[in-house]
């Protein structure tokens, strides 16, 4: 007759691999990132220019072109 085990972590074959069979997942209330909280003009463009000269300006030109083609047609 098999013994019923409430949780798999209490099983003798599994519990020896766990430091604490009582351990589990804790859901942390992480604030989600929203794209509206990020500003390309204020944060992305200066960072890209700082990392690689003129990269930010080149990307900004491409982004503006894509925006104009998408939203201003």
Protein backbone atom coordinates (compact mmCIF):
# COMPACT_ATOMS: atom_id res chain seq x y z
CA UNK A 1 0.00 0.00 0.00
CA UNK A 2 1.40 3.43 -1.02
CA UNK A 3 1.62 6.20 1.50
CA UNK A 4 -0.10 9.43 0.40
CA UNK A 5 2.23 12.44 0.46
CA UNK A 6 0.68 15.92 0.68
CA UNK A 7 3.43 17.76 -1.17
CA UNK A 8 6.07 16.44 -3.54
CA UNK A 9 8.79 18.28 -1.59
CA UNK A 10 8.09 16.03 1.41
CA UNK A 11 8.80 12.90 -0.60
CA UNK A 12 11.94 11.20 0.81
CA UNK A 13 13.59 10.95 -2.61
CA UNK A 14 13.11 14.66 -3.27
CA UNK A 15 13.52 16.19 0.17
CA UNK A 16 17.17 15.16 0.43
CA UNK A 17 17.98 17.54 -2.45
CA UNK A 18 16.27 20.50 -0.80
CA UNK A 19 17.77 22.69 1.91
CA UNK A 20 14.36 23.44 3.29
CA UNK A 21 11.31 21.51 2.09
CA UNK A 22 9.22 24.40 3.45
CA UNK A 23 10.74 26.81 0.95
CA UNK A 24 8.56 28.08 -1.82
CA UNK A 25 7.84 30.89 -4.21
CA UNK A 26 7.13 34.36 -2.90
CA UNK A 27 5.44 36.77 -5.25
CA UNK A 28 7.14 40.15 -4.98
CA UNK A 29 5.04 43.11 -5.91
CA UNK A 30 7.24 44.41 -8.71
CA UNK A 31 6.15 47.56 -10.44
CA UNK A 32 5.76 46.89 -14.16
CA UNK A 33 7.68 48.99 -16.65
CA UNK A 34 5.51 50.98 -19.01
CA UNK A 35 6.87 52.35 -22.27
CA UNK A 36 5.30 55.71 -21.45
CA UNK A 37 7.74 56.03 -18.52
CA UNK A 38 10.68 56.08 -20.92
CA UNK A 39 11.55 59.08 -23.05
CA UNK A 40 13.75 58.54 -26.07
CA UNK A 41 14.41 62.28 -26.33
CA UNK A 42 15.42 62.68 -22.68
CA UNK A 43 17.11 59.35 -21.92
CA UNK A 44 17.77 57.22 -24.98
CA UNK A 45 19.18 59.79 -27.38
CA UNK A 46 21.78 61.22 -24.96
CA UNK A 47 22.80 57.73 -23.82
CA UNK A 48 23.25 56.48 -27.39
CA UNK A 49 25.27 59.58 -28.29
CA UNK A 50 27.43 59.14 -25.20
CA UNK A 51 28.13 55.46 -25.99
CA UNK A 52 28.81 55.97 -29.68
CA UNK A 53 29.27 59.41 -31.20
CA UNK A 54 26.42 60.40 -33.52
CA UNK A 55 24.63 57.06 -33.05
CA UNK A 56 21.77 58.71 -31.15
CA UNK A 57 21.30 61.36 -33.81
CA UNK A 58 21.28 58.75 -36.57
CA UNK A 59 18.76 56.58 -34.70
CA UNK A 60 16.64 59.63 -33.89
CA UNK A 61 16.45 60.49 -37.57
CA UNK A 62 15.38 56.91 -38.41
CA UNK A 63 12.80 56.83 -35.60
CA UNK A 64 11.31 60.17 -36.69
CA UNK A 65 11.14 58.96 -40.29
CA UNK A 66 9.39 55.73 -39.24
CA UNK A 67 6.99 57.71 -37.03
CA UNK A 68 6.17 60.14 -39.84
CA UNK A 69 5.55 57.30 -42.29
CA UNK A 70 3.38 55.43 -39.78
CA UNK A 71 1.31 58.11 -38.07
CA UNK A 72 1.28 61.01 -40.50
CA UNK A 73 -0.10 59.26 -43.58
